[in-house]
Amino acid sequence: MNQHAHNHVELTGPWSGWKLRGRDLVSPTGLRLSPERVAGLAWREHNEAWLESKKARAAAAAKARGQQPVKVVVITLADYRQNGIAAG
């Protein structure tokens, strides 16, 4: 009866030691987390993961740009002066 009237629930499984007390989630150490705080923590975790994925993709793209093949043309100064053709 106490569970339904006052929302005092002991959690089990991986949440063992955690409790619901009214609107708050209470840790085994007694830290009380409001629904807004839990939502804020979830939002931050999601956005930090999103930012890391963006950074990883940008780094991979930068690395791919840096590994493109380069064509090197060697022309001697004598050929340039005799034929009047500039490498371009």
PDB file of N, CA and C in Angstrom:
ATOM      1  N   MET A   1       0.821  -1.191   0.000  1.00  0.00           N
ATOM      2  CA  MET A   1       0.000   0.000   0.000  1.00  0.00           C
ATOM      3  C   MET A   1       0.869   1.260   0.000  1.00  0.00           C
ATOM      4  N   ASN A   2       1.975   1.218   0.686  1.00  0.00           N
ATOM      5  CA  ASN A   2       2.868   2.368   0.762  1.00  0.00           C
ATOM      6  C   ASN A   2       3.442   2.700  -0.624  1.00  0.00           C
ATOM      7  N   GLN A   3       3.658   1.666  -1.468  1.00  0.00           N
ATOM      8  CA  GLN A   3       4.189   1.884  -2.807  1.00  0.00           C
ATOM      9  C   GLN A   3       3.258   2.772  -3.626  1.00  0.00           C
ATOM     10  N   HIS A   4       1.983   2.501  -3.577  1.00  0.00           N
ATOM     11  CA  HIS A   4       1.026   3.215  -4.425  1.00  0.00           C
ATOM     12  C   HIS A   4       0.655   4.572  -3.840  1.00  0.00           C
ATOM     13  N   ALA A   5       0.499   4.658  -2.565  1.00  0.00           N
ATOM     14  CA  ALA A   5       0.058   5.914  -1.950  1.00  0.00           C
ATOM     15  C   ALA A   5       1.154   6.974  -1.959  1.00  0.00           C
ATOM     16  N   HIS A   6       2.375   6.595  -1.692  1.00  0.00           N
ATOM     17  CA  HIS A   6       3.456   7.572  -1.583  1.00  0.00           C
ATOM     18  C   HIS A   6       4.539   7.400  -2.645  1.00  0.00           C
ATOM     19  N   ASN A   7       4.335   6.459  -3.558  1.00  0.00           N
ATOM     20  CA  ASN A   7       5.306   6.170  -4.614  1.00  0.00           C
ATOM     21  C   ASN A   7       6.687   5.877  -4.025  1.00  0.00           C
ATOM     22  N   HIS A   8       6.751   4.997  -3.052  1.00  0.00           N
ATOM     23  CA  HIS A   8       8.029   4.529  -2.498  1.00  0.00           C
ATOM     24  C   HIS A   8       8.272   3.142  -3.057  1.00  0.00           C
ATOM     25  N   VAL A   9       9.197   3.037  -3.994  1.00  0.00           N
ATOM     26  CA  VAL A   9       9.450   1.772  -4.688  1.00  0.00           C
ATOM     27  C   VAL A   9      10.933   1.461  -4.606  1.00  0.00           C
ATOM     28  N   GLU A  10      11.259   0.237  -4.209  1.00  0.00           N
ATOM     29  CA  GLU A  10      12.641  -0.248  -4.212  1.00  0.00           C
ATOM     30  C   GLU A  10      12.882  -0.901  -5.573  1.00  0.00           C
ATOM     31  N   LEU A  11      13.917  -0.505  -6.268  1.00  0.00           N
ATOM     32  CA  LEU A  11      14.198  -1.069  -7.587  1.00  0.00           C
ATOM     33  C   LEU A  11      15.096  -2.294  -7.455  1.00  0.00           C
ATOM     34  N   THR A  12      15.046  -3.170  -8.459  1.00  0.00           N
ATOM     35  CA  THR A  12      15.805  -4.429  -8.425  1.00  0.00           C
ATOM     36  C   THR A  12      16.669  -4.555  -9.671  1.00  0.00           C
ATOM     37  N   GLY A  13      17.373  -5.661  -9.761  1.00  0.00           N
ATOM     38  CA  GLY A  13      18.212  -5.945 -10.928  1.00  0.00           C
ATOM     39  C   GLY A  13      19.404  -4.999 -10.971  1.00  0.00           C
ATOM     40  N   PRO A  14      19.710  -4.461 -12.165  1.00  0.00           N
ATOM     41  CA  PRO A  14      20.856  -3.555 -12.268  1.00  0.00           C
ATOM     42  C   PRO A  14      20.653  -2.254 -11.484  1.00  0.00           C
ATOM     43  N   TRP A  15      19.401  -1.965 -11.099  1.00  0.00           N
ATOM     44  CA  TRP A  15      19.080  -0.764 -10.322  1.00  0.00           C
ATOM     45  C   TRP A  15      18.998  -1.073  -8.831  1.00  0.00           C
ATOM     46  N   SER A  16      19.515  -2.215  -8.438  1.00  0.00           N
ATOM     47  CA  SER A  16      19.449  -2.614  -7.033  1.00  0.00           C
ATOM     48  C   SER A  16      20.081  -1.542  -6.149  1.00  0.00           C
ATOM     49  N   GLY A  17      19.380  -1.146  -5.100  1.00  0.00           N
ATOM     50  CA  GLY A  17      19.852  -0.103  -4.204  1.00  0.00           C
ATOM     51  C   GLY A  17      19.257   1.258  -4.521  1.00  0.00           C
ATOM     52  N   TRP A  18      18.786   1.452  -5.737  1.00  0.00           N
ATOM     53  CA  TRP A  18      18.130   2.699  -6.124  1.00  0.00           C
ATOM     54  C   TRP A  18      16.674   2.644  -5.696  1.00  0.00           C
ATOM     55  N   LYS A  19      16.064   3.795  -5.445  1.00  0.00           N
ATOM     56  CA  LYS A  19      14.672   3.868  -4.994  1.00  0.00           C
ATOM     57  C   LYS A  19      13.960   5.008  -5.696  1.00  0.00           C
ATOM     58  N   LEU A  20      12.647   4.848  -5.827  1.00  0.00           N
ATOM     59  CA  LEU A  20      11.800   5.955  -6.249  1.00  0.00           C
ATOM     60  C   LEU A  20      11.136   6.492  -4.993  1.00  0.00           C
ATOM     61  N   ARG A  21      11.307   7.776  -4.755  1.00  0.00           N
ATOM     62  CA  ARG A  21      10.694   8.422  -3.597  1.00  0.00           C
ATOM     63  C   ARG A  21       9.955   9.652  -4.092  1.00  0.00           C
ATOM     64  N   GLY A  22       8.637   9.534  -4.208  1.00  0.00           N
ATOM     65  CA  GLY A  22       7.859  10.637  -4.776  1.00  0.00           C
ATOM     66  C   GLY A  22       8.241  10.813  -6.233  1.00  0.00           C
ATOM     67  N   ARG A  23       8.670  12.019  -6.609  1.00  0.00           N
ATOM     68  CA  ARG A  23       9.091  12.299  -7.984  1.00  0.00           C
ATOM     69  C   ARG A  23      10.558  11.985  -8.215  1.00  0.00           C
ATOM     70  N   ASP A  24      11.323  11.772  -7.158  1.00  0.00           N
ATOM     71  CA  ASP A  24      12.785  11.667  -7.269  1.00  0.00           C
ATOM     72  C   ASP A  24      13.270  10.229  -7.359  1.00  0.00           C
ATOM     73  N   LEU A  25      14.374  10.081  -8.075  1.00  0.00           N
ATOM     74  CA  LEU A  25      15.121   8.834  -8.111  1.00  0.00           C
ATOM     75  C   LEU A  25      16.252   9.009  -7.101  1.00  0.00           C
ATOM     76  N   VAL A  26      16.388   8.081  -6.163  1.00  0.00           N
ATOM     77  CA  VAL A  26      17.360   8.213  -5.085  1.00  0.00           C
ATOM     78  C   VAL A  26      18.421   7.133  -5.239  1.00  0.00           C
ATOM     79  N   SER A  27      19.688   7.571  -5.250  1.00  0.00           N
ATOM     80  CA  SER A  27      20.807   6.642  -5.412  1.00  0.00           C
ATOM     81  C   SER A  27      21.059   5.898  -4.102  1.00  0.00           C
ATOM     82  N   PRO A  28      21.853   4.811  -4.151  1.00  0.00           N
ATOM     83  CA  PRO A  28      22.189   4.090  -2.919  1.00  0.00           C
ATOM     84  C   PRO A  28      22.925   4.970  -1.895  1.00  0.00           C
ATOM     85  N   THR A  29      23.610   6.026  -2.365  1.00  0.00           N
ATOM     86  CA  THR A  29      24.312   6.923  -1.448  1.00  0.00           C
ATOM     87  C   THR A  29      23.423   8.041  -0.914  1.00  0.00           C
ATOM     88  N   GLY A  30      22.177   8.112  -1.404  1.00  0.00           N
ATOM     89  CA  GLY A  30      21.238   9.122  -0.922  1.00  0.00           C
ATOM     90  C   GLY A  30      21.094  10.338  -1.815  1.00  0.00           C
ATOM     91  N   LEU A  31      21.771  10.372  -2.941  1.00  0.00           N
ATOM     92  CA  LEU A  31      21.665  11.481  -3.875  1.00  0.00           C
ATOM     93  C   LEU A  31      20.283  11.451  -4.529  1.00  0.00           C
ATOM     94  N   ARG A  32      19.569  12.561  -4.477  1.00  0.00           N
ATOM     95  CA  ARG A  32      18.226  12.641  -5.055  1.00  0.00           C
ATOM     96  C   ARG A  32      18.298  13.304  -6.425  1.00  0.00           C
ATOM     97  N   LEU A  33      17.714  12.650  -7.415  1.00  0.00           N
ATOM     98  CA  LEU A  33      17.694  13.167  -8.785  1.00  0.00           C
ATOM     99  C   LEU A  33      16.248  13.430  -9.194  1.00  0.00           C
ATOM    100  N   SER A  34      15.952  14.679  -9.535  1.00  0.00           N
ATOM    101  CA  SER A  34      14.607  15.022  -9.998  1.00  0.00           C
ATOM    102  C   SER A  34      14.444  14.553 -11.442  1.00  0.00           C
ATOM    103  N   PRO A  35      13.215  14.456 -11.937  1.00  0.00           N
ATOM    104  CA  PRO A  35      13.015  14.070 -13.343  1.00  0.00           C
ATOM    105  C   PRO A  35      13.715  15.038 -14.307  1.00  0.00           C
ATOM    106  N   GLU A  36      13.714  16.320 -13.968  1.00  0.00           N
ATOM    107  CA  GLU A  36      14.380  17.302 -14.824  1.00  0.00           C
ATOM    108  C   GLU A  36      15.889  17.078 -14.857  1.00  0.00           C
ATOM    109  N   ARG A  37      16.460  16.725 -13.721  1.00  0.00           N
ATOM    110  CA  ARG A  37      17.898  16.461 -13.651  1.00  0.00           C
ATOM    111  C   ARG A  37      18.260  15.215 -14.454  1.00  0.00           C
ATOM    112  N   VAL A  38      17.451  14.165 -14.328  1.00  0.00           N
ATOM    113  CA  VAL A  38      17.699  12.934 -15.098  1.00  0.00           C
ATOM    114  C   VAL A  38      17.593  13.225 -16.590  1.00  0.00           C
ATOM    115  N   ALA A  39      16.588  14.019 -16.994  1.00  0.00           N
ATOM    116  CA  ALA A  39      16.439  14.384 -18.406  1.00  0.00           C
ATOM    117  C   ALA A  39      17.639  15.198 -18.875  1.00  0.00           C
ATOM    118  N   GLY A  40      18.126  16.101 -18.032  1.00  0.00           N
ATOM    119  CA  GLY A  40      19.301  16.898 -18.389  1.00  0.00           C
ATOM    120  C   GLY A  40      20.552  16.055 -18.542  1.00  0.00           C
ATOM    121  N   LEU A  41      20.736  15.079 -17.662  1.00  0.00           N
ATOM    122  CA  LEU A  41      21.883  14.181 -17.760  1.00  0.00           C
ATOM    123  C   LEU A  41      21.816  13.343 -19.036  1.00  0.00           C
ATOM    124  N   ALA A  42      20.617  12.858 -19.361  1.00  0.00           N
ATOM    125  CA  ALA A  42      20.447  12.071 -20.586  1.00  0.00           C
ATOM    126  C   ALA A  42      20.706  12.936 -21.819  1.00  0.00           C
ATOM    127  N   TRP A  43      20.218  14.194 -21.805  1.00  0.00           N
ATOM    128  CA  TRP A  43      20.434  15.110 -22.918  1.00  0.00           C
ATOM    129  C   TRP A  43      21.924  15.362 -23.123  1.00  0.00           C
ATOM    130  N   ARG A  44      22.634  15.614 -22.021  1.00  0.00           N
ATOM    131  CA  ARG A  44      24.070  15.884 -22.120  1.00  0.00           C
ATOM    132  C   ARG A  44      24.825  14.671 -22.648  1.00  0.00           C
ATOM    133  N   GLU A  45      24.505  13.484 -22.138  1.00  0.00           N
ATOM    134  CA  GLU A  45      25.170  12.259 -22.598  1.00  0.00           C
ATOM    135  C   GLU A  45      24.953  12.054 -24.098  1.00  0.00           C
ATOM    136  N   HIS A  46      23.717  12.259 -24.539  1.00  0.00           N
ATOM    137  CA  HIS A  46      23.387  12.099 -25.961  1.00  0.00           C
ATOM    138  C   HIS A  46      24.182  13.088 -26.811  1.00  0.00           C
ATOM    139  N   ASN A  47      24.218  14.352 -26.409  1.00  0.00           N
ATOM    140  CA  ASN A  47      24.885  15.370 -27.206  1.00  0.00           C
ATOM    141  C   ASN A  47      26.404  15.250 -27.170  1.00  0.00           C
ATOM    142  N   GLU A  48      26.967  14.774 -26.078  1.00  0.00           N
ATOM    143  CA  GLU A  48      28.408  14.532 -26.053  1.00  0.00           C
ATOM    144  C   GLU A  48      28.779  13.402 -27.007  1.00  0.00           C
ATOM    145  N   ALA A  49      27.963  12.357 -27.057  1.00  0.00           N
ATOM    146  CA  ALA A  49      28.215  11.254 -27.999  1.00  0.00           C
ATOM    147  C   ALA A  49      28.074  11.744 -29.439  1.00  0.00           C
ATOM    148  N   TRP A  50      27.078  12.595 -29.689  1.00  0.00           N
ATOM    149  CA  TRP A  50      26.863  13.151 -31.026  1.00  0.00           C
ATOM    150  C   TRP A  50      28.062  13.992 -31.439  1.00  0.00           C
ATOM    151  N   LEU A  51      28.559  14.822 -30.531  1.00  0.00           N
ATOM    152  CA  LEU A  51      29.711  15.665 -30.822  1.00  0.00           C
ATOM    153  C   LEU A  51      30.956  14.831 -31.104  1.00  0.00           C
ATOM    154  N   GLU A  52      31.172  13.772 -30.326  1.00  0.00           N
ATOM    155  CA  GLU A  52      32.316  12.891 -30.569  1.00  0.00           C
ATOM    156  C   GLU A  52      32.236  12.230 -31.941  1.00  0.00           C
ATOM    157  N   SER A  53      31.033  11.819 -32.346  1.00  0.00           N
ATOM    158  CA  SER A  53      30.885  11.188 -33.664  1.00  0.00           C
ATOM    159  C   SER A  53      31.164  12.201 -34.773  1.00  0.00           C
ATOM    160  N   LYS A  54      30.742  13.456 -34.575  1.00  0.00           N
ATOM    161  CA  LYS A  54      31.023  14.500 -35.566  1.00  0.00           C
ATOM    162  C   LYS A  54      32.529  14.755 -35.670  1.00  0.00           C
ATOM    163  N   LYS A  55      33.205  14.810 -34.523  1.00  0.00           N
ATOM    164  CA  LYS A  55      34.651  15.022 -34.525  1.00  0.00           C
ATOM    165  C   LYS A  55      35.373  13.868 -35.206  1.00  0.00           C
ATOM    166  N   ALA A  56      34.931  12.640 -34.950  1.00  0.00           N
ATOM    167  CA  ALA A  56      35.564  11.468 -35.563  1.00  0.00           C
ATOM    168  C   ALA A  56      35.371  11.479 -37.079  1.00  0.00           C
ATOM    169  N   ARG A  57      34.156  11.839 -37.525  1.00  0.00           N
ATOM    170  CA  ARG A  57      33.911  11.908 -38.970  1.00  0.00           C
ATOM    171  C   ARG A  57      34.745  13.008 -39.621  1.00  0.00           C
ATOM    172  N   ALA A  58      34.865  14.150 -38.955  1.00  0.00           N
ATOM    173  CA  ALA A  58      35.666  15.248 -39.511  1.00  0.00           C
ATOM    174  C   ALA A  58      37.138  14.856 -39.584  1.00  0.00           C
ATOM    175  N   ALA A  59      37.636  14.164 -38.569  1.00  0.00           N
ATOM    176  CA  ALA A  59      39.027  13.722 -38.576  1.00  0.00           C
ATOM    177  C   ALA A  59      39.268  12.700 -39.682  1.00  0.00           C
ATOM    178  N   ALA A  60      38.321  11.793 -39.880  1.00  0.00           N
ATOM    179  CA  ALA A  60      38.457  10.791 -40.943  1.00  0.00           C
ATOM    180  C   ALA A  60      38.438  11.461 -42.316  1.00  0.00           C
ATOM    181  N   ALA A  61      37.578  12.462 -42.486  1.00  0.00           N
ATOM    182  CA  ALA A  61      37.515  13.177 -43.766  1.00  0.00           C
ATOM    183  C   ALA A  61      38.809  13.952 -44.015  1.00  0.00           C
ATOM    184  N   ALA A  62      39.349  14.574 -42.973  1.00  0.00           N
ATOM    185  CA  ALA A  62      40.608  15.310 -43.121  1.00  0.00           C
ATOM    186  C   ALA A  62      41.748  14.365 -43.468  1.00  0.00           C
ATOM    187  N   LYS A  63      41.750  13.197 -42.847  1.00  0.00           N
ATOM    188  CA  LYS A  63      42.793  12.208 -43.135  1.00  0.00           C
ATOM    189  C   LYS A  63      42.671  11.723 -44.576  1.00  0.00           C
ATOM    190  N   ALA A  64      41.447  11.502 -45.041  1.00  0.00           N
ATOM    191  CA  ALA A  64      41.228  11.036 -46.414  1.00  0.00           C
ATOM    192  C   ALA A  64      41.671  12.099 -47.423  1.00  0.00           C
ATOM    193  N   ARG A  65      41.408  13.373 -47.106  1.00  0.00           N
ATOM    194  CA  ARG A  65      41.839  14.444 -48.006  1.00  0.00           C
ATOM    195  C   ARG A  65      43.361  14.513 -48.079  1.00  0.00           C
ATOM    196  N   GLY A  66      44.033  14.232 -47.007  1.00  0.00           N
ATOM    197  CA  GLY A  66      45.490  14.317 -46.962  1.00  0.00           C
ATOM    198  C   GLY A  66      46.189  13.166 -47.653  1.00  0.00           C
ATOM    199  N   GLN A  67      45.474  12.111 -48.023  1.00  0.00           N
ATOM    200  CA  GLN A  67      46.105  10.935 -48.611  1.00  0.00           C
ATOM    201  C   GLN A  67      45.830  10.784 -50.101  1.00  0.00           C
ATOM    202  N   GLN A  68      45.390  11.846 -50.748  1.00  0.00           N
ATOM    203  CA  GLN A  68      45.143  11.756 -52.181  1.00  0.00           C
ATOM    204  C   GLN A  68      46.477  11.740 -52.924  1.00  0.00           C
ATOM    205  N   PRO A  69      46.546  10.981 -54.029  1.00  0.00           N
ATOM    206  CA  PRO A  69      47.807  10.902 -54.769  1.00  0.00           C
ATOM    207  C   PRO A  69      48.170  12.256 -55.396  1.00  0.00           C
ATOM    208  N   VAL A  70      49.458  12.507 -55.469  1.00  0.00           N
ATOM    209  CA  VAL A  70      49.965  13.750 -56.039  1.00  0.00           C
ATOM    210  C   VAL A  70      50.816  13.401 -57.257  1.00  0.00           C
ATOM    211  N   LYS A  71      50.585  14.091 -58.364  1.00  0.00           N
ATOM    212  CA  LYS A  71      51.373  13.862 -59.574  1.00  0.00           C
ATOM    213  C   LYS A  71      52.504  14.879 -59.596  1.00  0.00           C
ATOM    214  N   VAL A  72      53.707  14.385 -59.728  1.00  0.00           N
ATOM    215  CA  VAL A  72      54.885  15.243 -59.742  1.00  0.00           C
ATOM    216  C   VAL A  72      55.445  15.249 -61.157  1.00  0.00           C
ATOM    217  N   VAL A  73      55.629  16.434 -61.694  1.00  0.00           N
ATOM    218  CA  VAL A  73      56.199  16.597 -63.028  1.00  0.00           C
ATOM    219  C   VAL A  73      57.556  17.256 -62.873  1.00  0.00           C
ATOM    220  N   VAL A  74      58.579  16.624 -63.432  1.00  0.00           N
ATOM    221  CA  VAL A  74      59.938  17.172 -63.360  1.00  0.00           C
ATOM    222  C   VAL A  74      60.303  17.658 -64.747  1.00  0.00           C
ATOM    223  N   ILE A  75      60.687  18.898 -64.829  1.00  0.00           N
ATOM    224  CA  ILE A  75      61.122  19.468 -66.103  1.00  0.00           C
ATOM    225  C   ILE A  75      62.436  20.185 -65.869  1.00  0.00           C
ATOM    226  N   THR A  76      63.353  19.956 -66.743  1.00  0.00           N
ATOM    227  CA  THR A  76      64.659  20.607 -66.571  1.00  0.00           C
ATOM    228  C   THR A  76      64.577  22.033 -67.089  1.00  0.00           C
ATOM    229  N   LEU A  77      65.421  22.857 -66.560  1.00  0.00           N
ATOM    230  CA  LEU A  77      65.444  24.260 -66.956  1.00  0.00           C
ATOM    231  C   LEU A  77      65.826  24.403 -68.429  1.00  0.00           C
ATOM    232  N   ALA A  78      66.683  23.510 -68.912  1.00  0.00           N
ATOM    233  CA  ALA A  78      67.112  23.572 -70.318  1.00  0.00           C
ATOM    234  C   ALA A  78      65.932  23.297 -71.246  1.00  0.00           C
ATOM    235  N   ASP A  79      65.081  22.297 -70.927  1.00  0.00           N
ATOM    236  CA  ASP A  79      63.905  22.013 -71.750  1.00  0.00           C
ATOM    237  C   ASP A  79      62.944  23.202 -71.735  1.00  0.00           C
ATOM    238  N   TYR A  80      62.818  23.843 -70.625  1.00  0.00           N
ATOM    239  CA  TYR A  80      61.911  24.976 -70.500  1.00  0.00           C
ATOM    240  C   TYR A  80      62.387  26.129 -71.379  1.00  0.00           C
ATOM    241  N   ARG A  81      63.703  26.374 -71.367  1.00  0.00           N
ATOM    242  CA  ARG A  81      64.241  27.484 -72.149  1.00  0.00           C
ATOM    243  C   ARG A  81      64.233  27.190 -73.641  1.00  0.00           C
ATOM    244  N   GLN A  82      64.501  25.928 -74.076  1.00  0.00           N
ATOM    245  CA  GLN A  82      64.569  25.598 -75.497  1.00  0.00           C
ATOM    246  C   GLN A  82      63.189  25.571 -76.142  1.00  0.00           C
ATOM    247  N   ASN A  83      62.235  24.940 -75.470  1.00  0.00           N
ATOM    248  CA  ASN A  83      60.930  24.759 -76.078  1.00  0.00           C
ATOM    249  C   ASN A  83      59.933  25.868 -75.705  1.00  0.00           C
ATOM    250  N   GLY A  84      60.224  26.604 -74.665  1.00  0.00           N
ATOM    251  CA  GLY A  84      59.325  27.679 -74.260  1.00  0.00           C
ATOM    252  C   GLY A  84      58.017  27.179 -73.669  1.00  0.00           C
ATOM    253  N   ILE A  85      58.014  25.948 -73.213  1.00  0.00           N
ATOM    254  CA  ILE A  85      56.781  25.361 -72.647  1.00  0.00           C
ATOM    255  C   ILE A  85      56.904  25.345 -71.138  1.00  0.00           C
ATOM    256  N   ALA A  86      55.917  25.870 -70.493  1.00  0.00           N
ATOM    257  CA  ALA A  86      55.922  25.845 -69.027  1.00  0.00           C
ATOM    258  C   ALA A  86      55.038  24.700 -68.554  1.00  0.00           C
ATOM    259  N   ALA A  87      55.496  24.050 -67.511  1.00  0.00           N
ATOM    260  CA  ALA A  87      54.685  22.957 -66.939  1.00  0.00           C
ATOM    261  C   ALA A  87      53.461  23.584 -66.273  1.00  0.00           C
ATOM    262  N   GLY A  88      52.288  23.022 -66.518  1.00  0.00           N
ATOM    263  CA  GLY A  88      51.117  23.641 -65.938  1.00  0.00           C
ATOM    264  C   GLY A  88      50.032  22.721 -65.594  1.00  0.00           C
TER     265      GLY A  88
END
